[in-house]
Amino acid sequence: MDIKTPRNVYLSAFYKRSFAYHTVKNRMPVILTQIIDSISRTKEDIVQEFGKGSHEDLKKAISELAKLKYEIQTNKPLTKLVSKDSDIKIYNEFLEKQASQEGEATHFNTIFLLSECYMYRRIKESFVLTDTLKEFDYFRSFKKELFVSCQKALKIWCDYNVELFHKSFEENWAGYEDKLHGLIKVDLWGNKNDLSLTLGRVGDMSHSHDADALEHFILVDDSKKFLKDLVEISVLHGHEYIDIVLDNAGYELLTDLCLMTAFTIFFRKQGDPCQSRFKVRFHVKSIPWYLSDVMEYDFNWMLEQIASNEDANISSVGKKWQDFIRDGTWEVMPHPFWTYPCEYNMMPDYAPDLFELLSKSAMVIFKGDLNYRKIFGEKNWDPTTSPKIALQGLELRLLAIRTIKADIVCGLQPGIAERCEKEDAKWMENGDYGVIQYVLAKQH
């Protein structure tokens, strides 16, 4: 239909004046083309890594990707997946459920979340069904390029972290609060560097640390309330962990690491300056996802690159972060749930182990647009809708840090969305506006 997405309905490419329609029609085929081109350019390196048999497997995978591109462009049904991986049953159940409720799912006529996740899962399936390329990360070159692009920012933030590591161990919360507030804003704008938004194009990250210049574009900033409650939680309630659900590799991961370093250092146990009140769990994808999403390999690889840097400050920060991993202060946790095609209020049913873990956390920080869509139900809410309503029953203490790249936002004050519409007709698509939203949907 040639209309905008109606209020309070699921996002879908069925509505031609929506970002979902633009994504399915234009962006998703381009992404598939980018993957095919990348594989074709680097096929000799891939064959060298995975053996001679991978040459034919690459041809098979490229053929499957081209087939998927054609299916999207011609609005074919979403066919069931056939590999033996543990999440296949869940994907096929979603397809069956959609067919029973709304009719057979096609790329333009189903929930946007399902259509988009299905494409990325089909890409993985194209390689899983080969003999030699089951573990091949076809996005790794993109993610490494993201890291290379942020070397100026890496120097700036590692110098900053060296200062943090050498702070006195005396309590000075007033000063810490200002620094943490600033780092949260930097972490927000780090989320703008998303290859699924730029269709694989890596830009200049050298300006991304100037958060103060972007203050006008933060539509909700609950940082101070979040920090106030976090102090109370750490002192009175004894929660041991902060969880952060990561989004993009490269510059955004760097800003995530800087923020978690500050939490680790500023929240020290009284009388024991070597121990933090909080341990940090970094939640990562278990399969390649959305071009630049972080997997465990990407996390560890980035720390290795930083630790081996010729610059003494950069190297010392990388080694300190590796120490945090080794001594258990930090932990990297992959889980298949993060790539399921479902909203997070379904977590108790589809990943009860993960939900129990996060329920005991002091705070769960969700990074990025896809996490936001899954937290708040993938619906075109009225922008003033209360975040607690949009959670649709998800009970977690959470902070959502996200630049806006899809037609969903909640918790805005009246008039803010109208102001943004006047400033930029594509304000919900281009990632220029952001939110830092704290929702206490579970008590201490």
Protein backbone atom coordinates (compact mmCIF):
# COMPACT_ATOMS: atom_id res chain seq x y z
CA MET A 1 0.00 0.00 0.00
CA ASP A 2 1.27 3.47 -0.90
CA ILE A 3 0.98 4.83 2.65
CA LYS A 4 3.15 5.35 5.72
CA THR A 5 3.14 2.64 8.36
CA PRO A 6 -0.04 3.10 10.48
CA ARG A 7 0.35 3.71 14.19
CA ASN A 8 0.77 0.76 16.57
CA VAL A 9 1.16 -1.88 13.85
CA TYR A 10 4.21 -3.98 13.06
CA LEU A 11 6.77 -2.49 10.72
CA SER A 12 6.50 -4.07 7.27
CA ALA A 13 7.67 -3.46 3.70
CA PHE A 14 4.00 -3.77 2.79
CA TYR A 15 3.80 0.00 3.42
CA LYS A 16 5.59 1.74 0.54
CA ARG A 17 6.34 4.97 2.40
CA SER A 18 8.28 3.18 5.12
CA PHE A 19 11.94 2.57 5.80
CA ALA A 20 11.11 -1.15 5.82
CA TYR A 21 9.98 -0.92 2.19
CA HIS A 22 13.11 1.02 1.20
CA THR A 23 15.25 -1.56 2.99
CA VAL A 24 13.69 -4.62 1.38
CA LYS A 25 13.44 -3.06 -2.08
CA ASN A 26 16.79 -1.29 -2.23
CA ARG A 27 19.13 -1.97 0.67
CA MET A 28 18.86 -5.74 1.08
CA PRO A 29 19.65 -6.56 -2.57
CA VAL A 30 22.62 -4.18 -2.44
CA ILE A 31 23.93 -5.88 0.71
CA LEU A 32 23.76 -9.26 -1.02
CA THR A 33 25.61 -7.82 -4.00
CA GLN A 34 28.28 -6.43 -1.67
CA ILE A 35 28.79 -9.86 -0.10
CA ILE A 36 29.08 -11.55 -3.49
CA ASP A 37 31.57 -8.92 -4.68
CA SER A 38 33.64 -9.20 -1.49
CA ILE A 39 33.82 -12.99 -1.76
CA SER A 40 34.72 -12.79 -5.45
CA ARG A 41 37.56 -10.32 -4.75
CA THR A 42 39.04 -12.36 -1.92
CA LYS A 43 38.31 -15.91 -3.13
CA GLU A 44 42.00 -16.84 -3.42
CA ASP A 45 42.60 -15.92 0.21
CA ILE A 46 39.50 -17.89 1.23
CA VAL A 47 40.65 -20.98 -0.69
CA GLN A 48 44.08 -20.71 0.93
CA GLU A 49 42.48 -20.67 4.39
CA PHE A 50 39.80 -23.33 3.88
CA GLY A 51 41.41 -25.65 1.31
CA LYS A 52 40.96 -26.47 -2.37
CA GLY A 53 37.47 -27.85 -1.87
CA SER A 54 36.29 -24.42 -0.83
CA HIS A 55 36.68 -23.17 -4.41
CA GLU A 56 33.62 -25.11 -5.54
CA ASP A 57 31.82 -24.39 -2.29
CA LEU A 58 32.26 -20.66 -2.92
CA LYS A 59 30.57 -21.06 -6.28
CA LYS A 60 27.67 -22.86 -4.62
CA ALA A 61 27.33 -20.21 -1.92
CA ILE A 62 27.44 -17.35 -4.43
CA SER A 63 24.76 -19.10 -6.47
CA GLU A 64 22.56 -19.37 -3.36
CA LEU A 65 23.10 -15.69 -2.54
CA ALA A 66 22.13 -14.68 -6.07
CA LYS A 67 19.02 -16.84 -5.76
CA LEU A 68 18.10 -15.15 -2.47
CA LYS A 69 18.57 -11.72 -4.06
CA TYR A 70 16.18 -12.70 -6.87
CA GLU A 71 13.63 -14.01 -4.36
CA ILE A 72 13.67 -10.72 -2.47
CA GLN A 73 13.39 -8.58 -5.60
CA THR A 74 10.45 -10.63 -6.90
CA ASN A 75 8.72 -10.91 -3.50
CA LYS A 76 8.85 -14.70 -3.29
CA PRO A 77 7.73 -16.58 -0.16
CA LEU A 78 10.16 -17.09 2.71
CA THR A 79 10.96 -20.78 2.33
CA LYS A 80 11.83 -22.99 5.27
CA LEU A 81 15.46 -23.43 6.25
CA VAL A 82 16.90 -26.92 5.96
CA SER A 83 20.23 -27.15 7.80
CA LYS A 84 20.62 -28.93 11.15
CA ASP A 85 21.62 -25.91 13.24
CA SER A 86 19.83 -25.47 16.56
CA ASP A 87 17.98 -22.29 15.58
CA ILE A 88 16.46 -23.66 12.38
CA LYS A 89 13.43 -25.07 14.20
CA ILE A 90 12.71 -21.66 15.69
CA TYR A 91 12.93 -19.88 12.33
CA ASN A 92 10.64 -22.41 10.69
CA GLU A 93 8.18 -22.14 13.58
CA PHE A 94 8.04 -18.38 13.03
CA LEU A 95 7.35 -18.90 9.33
CA GLU A 96 4.54 -21.35 10.15
CA LYS A 97 3.07 -19.00 12.76
CA GLN A 98 3.13 -16.10 10.32
CA ALA A 99 1.44 -18.22 7.63
CA SER A 100 -1.34 -19.31 10.01
CA GLN A 101 -2.01 -15.75 11.22
CA GLU A 102 -1.41 -13.52 8.20
CA GLY A 103 -1.03 -15.86 5.23
CA GLU A 104 2.18 -17.00 3.59
CA ALA A 105 5.10 -14.72 4.42
CA THR A 106 6.81 -12.98 1.51
CA HIS A 107 9.64 -10.48 1.77
CA PHE A 108 7.33 -7.47 1.29
CA ASN A 109 4.35 -8.90 3.10
CA THR A 110 5.51 -9.93 6.54
CA ILE A 111 6.90 -8.35 9.69
CA PHE A 112 10.05 -6.36 8.80
CA LEU A 113 12.00 -8.00 11.63
CA LEU A 114 11.30 -11.46 10.23
CA SER A 115 12.10 -10.47 6.65
CA GLU A 116 15.41 -8.85 7.56
CA CYS A 117 16.57 -11.50 10.03
CA TYR A 118 15.55 -14.22 7.58
CA MET A 119 17.81 -12.74 4.91
CA TYR A 120 20.84 -12.79 7.20
CA ARG A 121 20.00 -16.30 8.37
CA ARG A 122 19.65 -17.48 4.77
CA ILE A 123 23.08 -16.01 4.03
CA LYS A 124 24.52 -18.12 6.84
CA GLU A 125 22.62 -21.15 5.55
CA SER A 126 24.29 -20.73 2.14
CA PHE A 127 27.65 -21.46 3.77
CA VAL A 128 26.49 -23.96 6.40
CA LEU A 129 25.28 -26.26 3.61
CA THR A 130 28.77 -26.45 2.08
CA ASP A 131 31.43 -28.97 3.10
CA THR A 132 34.28 -26.55 3.82
CA LEU A 133 32.83 -23.10 4.65
CA LYS A 134 30.55 -23.80 7.61
CA GLU A 135 32.65 -21.57 9.90
CA PHE A 136 33.51 -18.91 7.32
CA ASP A 137 32.74 -15.35 8.46
CA TYR A 138 31.88 -13.60 5.20
CA PHE A 139 31.66 -10.25 7.06
CA ARG A 140 35.10 -10.42 8.68
CA SER A 141 36.83 -8.24 6.09
CA PHE A 142 34.16 -5.55 6.56
CA LYS A 143 34.66 -5.57 10.33
CA LYS A 144 38.44 -5.42 10.08
CA GLU A 145 38.15 -2.45 7.75
CA LEU A 146 35.96 -0.73 10.37
CA PHE A 147 38.75 -1.11 12.93
CA VAL A 148 41.41 0.20 10.53
CA SER A 149 39.24 3.26 9.84
CA CYS A 150 39.17 4.40 13.48
CA GLN A 151 42.89 4.69 14.23
CA LYS A 152 42.76 8.43 15.02
CA ALA A 153 39.95 7.83 17.48
CA LEU A 154 41.80 4.80 18.88
CA LYS A 155 44.74 7.03 19.83
CA ILE A 156 42.47 9.61 21.44
CA TRP A 157 40.51 7.10 23.51
CA CYS A 158 43.47 4.97 24.56
CA ASP A 159 45.25 8.08 25.84
CA TYR A 160 42.05 8.86 27.77
CA ASN A 161 41.92 5.33 29.20
CA VAL A 162 45.53 5.52 30.37
CA GLU A 163 44.44 8.49 32.48
CA LEU A 164 41.54 6.45 33.88
CA PHE A 165 43.83 3.56 34.82
CA HIS A 166 46.09 5.91 36.79
CA LYS A 167 43.35 7.72 38.69
CA SER A 168 43.66 7.85 42.44
CA PHE A 169 41.57 5.26 44.24
CA GLU A 170 39.75 7.83 46.35
CA GLU A 171 35.99 8.10 45.92
CA ASN A 172 35.06 11.18 43.86
CA TRP A 173 31.60 10.42 42.54
CA ALA A 174 30.77 13.97 41.42
CA GLY A 175 33.69 13.97 39.01
CA TYR A 176 33.07 10.39 37.93
CA GLU A 177 29.41 11.10 37.15
CA ASP A 178 30.29 13.87 34.70
CA LYS A 179 32.83 11.66 32.95
CA LEU A 180 30.42 8.74 32.72
CA HIS A 181 27.68 10.97 31.35
CA GLY A 182 30.07 12.16 28.65
CA LEU A 183 31.18 8.63 27.81
CA ILE A 184 27.57 7.43 27.48
CA LYS A 185 26.99 10.16 24.88
CA VAL A 186 30.15 9.17 23.05
CA ASP A 187 28.94 5.56 23.12
CA LEU A 188 25.63 6.68 21.64
CA TRP A 189 27.25 8.33 18.63
CA GLY A 190 29.54 5.35 18.19
CA ASN A 191 26.38 3.48 17.20
CA LYS A 192 26.06 5.68 14.10
CA ASN A 193 28.96 3.74 12.55
CA ASP A 194 26.87 0.84 11.26
CA LEU A 195 27.75 -0.94 8.01
CA SER A 196 24.23 -2.26 7.51
CA LEU A 197 23.12 1.40 7.35
CA THR A 198 25.94 2.53 5.02
CA LEU A 199 25.68 -0.65 2.90
CA GLY A 200 29.25 -1.65 3.66
CA ARG A 201 30.85 1.76 3.09
CA VAL A 202 33.34 2.70 5.82
CA GLY A 203 33.58 6.41 6.56
CA ASP A 204 35.97 8.66 8.47
CA MET A 205 35.58 8.12 12.22
CA SER A 206 37.98 10.86 13.31
CA HIS A 207 35.16 13.32 14.17
CA SER A 208 32.98 10.86 16.06
CA HIS A 209 34.29 11.73 19.52
CA ASP A 210 32.91 15.30 19.46
CA ALA A 211 29.74 14.46 21.39
CA ASP A 212 29.07 17.98 22.70
CA ALA A 213 28.45 19.29 19.18
CA LEU A 214 25.63 16.75 18.78
CA GLU A 215 23.67 17.58 21.96
CA HIS A 216 20.67 18.92 19.99
CA PHE A 217 20.19 15.55 18.33
CA ILE A 218 19.80 13.53 21.55
CA LEU A 219 16.03 13.30 21.89
CA VAL A 220 15.96 11.48 25.24
CA ASP A 221 18.84 11.47 27.72
CA ASP A 222 18.17 9.46 30.89
CA SER A 223 21.87 9.14 31.72
CA LYS A 224 21.73 10.93 35.05
CA LYS A 225 18.75 8.95 36.34
CA PHE A 226 20.43 5.75 35.16
CA LEU A 227 23.71 6.61 36.91
CA LYS A 228 21.92 7.61 40.13
CA ASP A 229 20.12 4.27 40.27
CA LEU A 230 23.25 2.34 39.34
CA VAL A 231 25.07 3.81 42.31
CA GLU A 232 22.20 2.78 44.58
CA ILE A 233 22.10 -0.71 43.08
CA SER A 234 25.85 -1.17 43.48
CA VAL A 235 25.87 -0.03 47.12
CA LEU A 236 22.59 -1.37 48.50
CA HIS A 237 21.58 -4.38 46.46
CA GLY A 238 24.78 -6.25 45.72
CA HIS A 239 24.19 -7.06 42.04
CA GLU A 240 27.48 -8.27 40.63
CA TYR A 241 27.16 -7.74 36.87
CA ILE A 242 26.56 -5.11 34.24
CA ASP A 243 25.54 -6.70 30.94
CA ILE A 244 26.01 -4.97 27.60
CA VAL A 245 24.46 -6.40 24.43
CA LEU A 246 26.84 -5.25 21.72
CA ASP A 247 26.08 -4.05 18.22
CA ASN A 248 28.83 -3.02 15.77
CA ALA A 249 32.53 -3.80 15.60
CA GLY A 250 35.14 -1.11 14.96
CA TYR A 251 34.64 2.36 16.40
CA GLU A 252 31.43 1.51 18.24
CA LEU A 253 33.08 -1.42 20.02
CA LEU A 254 35.91 0.91 20.99
CA THR A 255 33.43 3.31 22.63
CA ASP A 256 31.74 0.36 24.36
CA LEU A 257 35.09 -0.73 25.80
CA CYS A 258 35.84 2.79 27.01
CA LEU A 259 32.48 3.05 28.77
CA MET A 260 32.83 -0.36 30.41
CA THR A 261 36.36 0.54 31.51
CA ALA A 262 34.95 3.57 33.30
CA PHE A 263 32.28 1.48 35.02
CA THR A 264 34.90 -1.07 36.07
CA ILE A 265 37.25 1.55 37.50
CA PHE A 266 34.83 4.05 39.02
CA PHE A 267 32.76 1.43 40.84
CA ARG A 268 35.48 0.06 43.10
CA LYS A 269 34.95 -1.96 46.22
CA GLN A 270 35.60 0.11 49.29
CA GLY A 271 38.88 -0.85 50.89
CA ASP A 272 39.97 -2.92 47.88
CA PRO A 273 41.07 -0.62 45.01
CA CYS A 274 42.03 -3.57 42.81
CA GLN A 275 38.50 -4.99 42.72
CA SER A 276 35.47 -3.54 40.95
CA ARG A 277 31.96 -3.81 42.38
CA PHE A 278 30.85 -4.80 38.90
CA LYS A 279 31.94 -7.47 36.48
CA VAL A 280 30.97 -6.89 32.86
CA ARG A 281 29.44 -9.42 30.47
CA PHE A 282 29.72 -8.52 26.78
CA HIS A 283 26.99 -10.27 24.80
CA VAL A 284 27.90 -10.98 21.17
CA LYS A 285 26.39 -12.69 18.14
CA SER A 286 27.13 -16.37 17.57
CA ILE A 287 26.95 -16.12 13.75
CA PRO A 288 27.87 -13.34 11.26
CA TRP A 289 25.10 -10.75 11.43
CA TYR A 290 24.08 -7.44 9.84
CA LEU A 291 27.53 -6.90 8.20
CA SER A 292 29.29 -5.40 11.22
CA ASP A 293 27.85 -7.00 14.38
CA VAL A 294 30.39 -8.20 16.91
CA MET A 295 31.18 -11.91 17.31
CA GLU A 296 33.54 -13.36 19.93
CA TYR A 297 36.36 -13.59 17.37
CA ASP A 298 35.95 -9.90 16.46
CA PHE A 299 36.11 -8.87 20.12
CA ASN A 300 39.26 -10.85 20.84
CA TRP A 301 40.89 -9.89 17.54
CA MET A 302 40.39 -6.19 18.25
CA LEU A 303 41.95 -6.52 21.71
CA GLU A 304 44.93 -8.34 20.17
CA GLN A 305 45.40 -5.57 17.59
CA ILE A 306 45.30 -2.89 20.28
CA ALA A 307 47.62 -4.80 22.64
CA SER A 308 50.22 -5.24 19.87
CA ASN A 309 50.13 -1.61 18.71
CA GLU A 310 53.49 0.20 18.52
CA ASP A 311 52.13 3.16 20.50
CA ALA A 312 52.87 2.50 24.20
CA ASN A 313 49.61 4.00 25.48
CA ILE A 314 47.49 2.10 22.99
CA SER A 315 49.29 -1.16 23.72
CA SER A 316 49.00 -0.74 27.48
CA VAL A 317 45.23 -0.23 27.24
CA GLY A 318 44.82 -3.32 25.05
CA LYS A 319 46.82 -5.42 27.50
CA LYS A 320 44.78 -4.10 30.43
CA TRP A 321 41.57 -5.08 28.63
CA GLN A 322 43.01 -8.54 27.98
CA ASP A 323 43.84 -8.76 31.70
CA PHE A 324 40.20 -7.98 32.50
CA ILE A 325 39.19 -10.94 30.33
CA ARG A 326 41.79 -13.27 31.86
CA ASP A 327 40.96 -12.47 35.49
CA GLY A 328 37.19 -12.70 34.97
CA THR A 329 36.42 -9.00 35.45
CA TRP A 330 35.10 -9.06 31.89
CA GLU A 331 33.49 -11.95 30.04
CA VAL A 332 32.46 -12.37 26.39
CA MET A 333 29.24 -14.36 25.95
CA PRO A 334 27.82 -15.51 22.59
CA HIS A 335 24.23 -16.76 22.56
CA PRO A 336 22.04 -17.86 19.62
CA PHE A 337 19.04 -15.91 20.93
CA TRP A 338 20.48 -12.62 19.69
CA THR A 339 19.96 -13.76 16.09
CA TYR A 340 16.46 -15.20 16.51
CA PRO A 341 13.72 -13.34 14.57
CA CYS A 342 11.76 -12.52 17.72
CA GLU A 343 11.17 -9.67 20.12
CA TYR A 344 12.84 -9.75 23.51
CA ASN A 345 9.63 -10.16 25.51
CA MET A 346 9.79 -13.74 24.15
CA MET A 347 13.15 -14.35 25.83
CA PRO A 348 11.67 -16.25 28.82
CA ASP A 349 10.21 -18.78 26.38
CA TYR A 350 12.98 -19.05 23.79
CA ALA A 351 16.06 -18.50 25.98
CA PRO A 352 15.14 -18.99 29.67
CA ASP A 353 18.81 -19.44 30.61
CA LEU A 354 19.69 -16.05 29.16
CA PHE A 355 16.67 -14.35 30.69
CA GLU A 356 17.52 -15.68 34.15
CA LEU A 357 21.06 -14.38 33.75
CA LEU A 358 19.98 -10.90 32.70
CA SER A 359 17.25 -10.73 35.34
CA LYS A 360 19.91 -10.89 38.05
CA SER A 361 22.02 -8.16 36.44
CA ALA A 362 22.42 -4.70 37.94
CA MET A 363 21.71 -3.27 34.50
CA VAL A 364 21.40 -4.49 30.92
CA ILE A 365 22.65 -2.04 28.31
CA PHE A 366 21.28 -2.67 24.82
CA LYS A 367 23.21 -1.08 21.98
CA GLY A 368 21.87 -0.15 18.60
CA ASP A 369 18.84 -0.07 16.39
CA LEU A 370 18.04 -3.77 15.99
CA ASN A 371 18.19 -4.34 19.75
CA TYR A 372 15.89 -1.33 20.21
CA ARG A 373 13.40 -2.75 17.71
CA LYS A 374 13.42 -6.08 19.53
CA ILE A 375 13.12 -4.48 22.98
CA PHE A 376 10.15 -2.33 22.06
CA GLY A 377 8.21 -4.69 19.85
CA GLU A 378 8.96 -3.65 16.23
CA LYS A 379 5.86 -1.44 16.11
CA ASN A 380 5.27 2.05 14.80
CA TRP A 381 4.40 3.44 18.22
CA ASP A 382 3.16 6.95 18.76
CA PRO A 383 6.50 8.59 19.72
CA THR A 384 5.07 9.68 23.08
CA THR A 385 4.16 6.10 24.08
CA SER A 386 5.61 5.16 27.45
CA PRO A 387 8.64 2.84 27.13
CA LYS A 388 7.13 0.58 29.81
CA ILE A 389 4.10 0.05 27.59
CA ALA A 390 6.26 -0.55 24.52
CA LEU A 391 8.24 -3.21 26.39
CA GLN A 392 5.10 -5.39 26.26
CA GLY A 393 5.91 -7.28 29.43
CA LEU A 394 9.71 -7.52 29.21
CA GLU A 395 10.91 -7.21 32.81
CA LEU A 396 14.52 -6.04 32.96
CA ARG A 397 16.43 -3.05 34.27
CA LEU A 398 17.69 -1.71 30.98
CA LEU A 399 19.38 1.19 29.23
CA ALA A 400 18.84 1.49 25.47
CA ILE A 401 21.56 3.45 23.64
CA ARG A 402 20.66 3.85 20.00
CA THR A 403 20.84 6.13 16.98
CA ILE A 404 17.52 6.05 15.14
CA LYS A 405 17.59 4.05 11.89
CA ALA A 406 14.05 2.62 11.65
CA ASP A 407 10.45 3.78 12.05
CA ILE A 408 10.18 3.06 15.75
CA VAL A 409 10.73 5.28 18.76
CA CYS A 410 8.94 5.72 22.08
CA GLY A 411 9.25 7.86 25.17
CA LEU A 412 9.58 11.24 23.43
CA GLN A 413 8.12 14.38 24.95
CA PRO A 414 5.16 15.89 23.02
CA GLY A 415 6.30 17.98 20.06
CA ILE A 416 9.78 16.45 19.73
CA ALA A 417 8.89 14.14 16.83
CA GLU A 418 7.16 17.01 15.02
CA ARG A 419 10.26 19.20 15.48
CA CYS A 420 12.49 16.48 14.04
CA GLU A 421 10.14 15.97 11.07
CA LYS A 422 10.49 19.65 10.21
CA GLU A 423 14.26 19.52 10.55
CA ASP A 424 14.73 16.35 8.52
CA ALA A 425 12.06 14.29 6.73
CA LYS A 426 14.31 11.20 7.07
CA TRP A 427 15.08 11.71 10.75
CA MET A 428 14.03 8.14 11.59
CA GLU A 429 16.27 6.58 8.94
CA ASN A 430 19.70 8.17 8.81
CA GLY A 431 21.02 7.71 12.34
CA ASP A 432 21.52 11.45 12.94
CA TYR A 433 19.23 11.47 16.00
CA GLY A 434 19.65 9.31 19.07
CA VAL A 435 18.15 8.27 22.41
CA ILE A 436 19.57 7.18 25.76
CA GLN A 437 16.56 5.60 27.45
CA TYR A 438 16.52 4.07 30.92
CA VAL A 439 13.60 1.81 31.83
CA LEU A 440 13.30 0.25 35.27
CA ALA A 441 10.85 -2.51 34.33
CA LYS A 442 12.13 -4.76 37.12
CA GLN A 443 12.70 -3.73 40.71
CA HIS A 444 15.96 -4.29 42.55
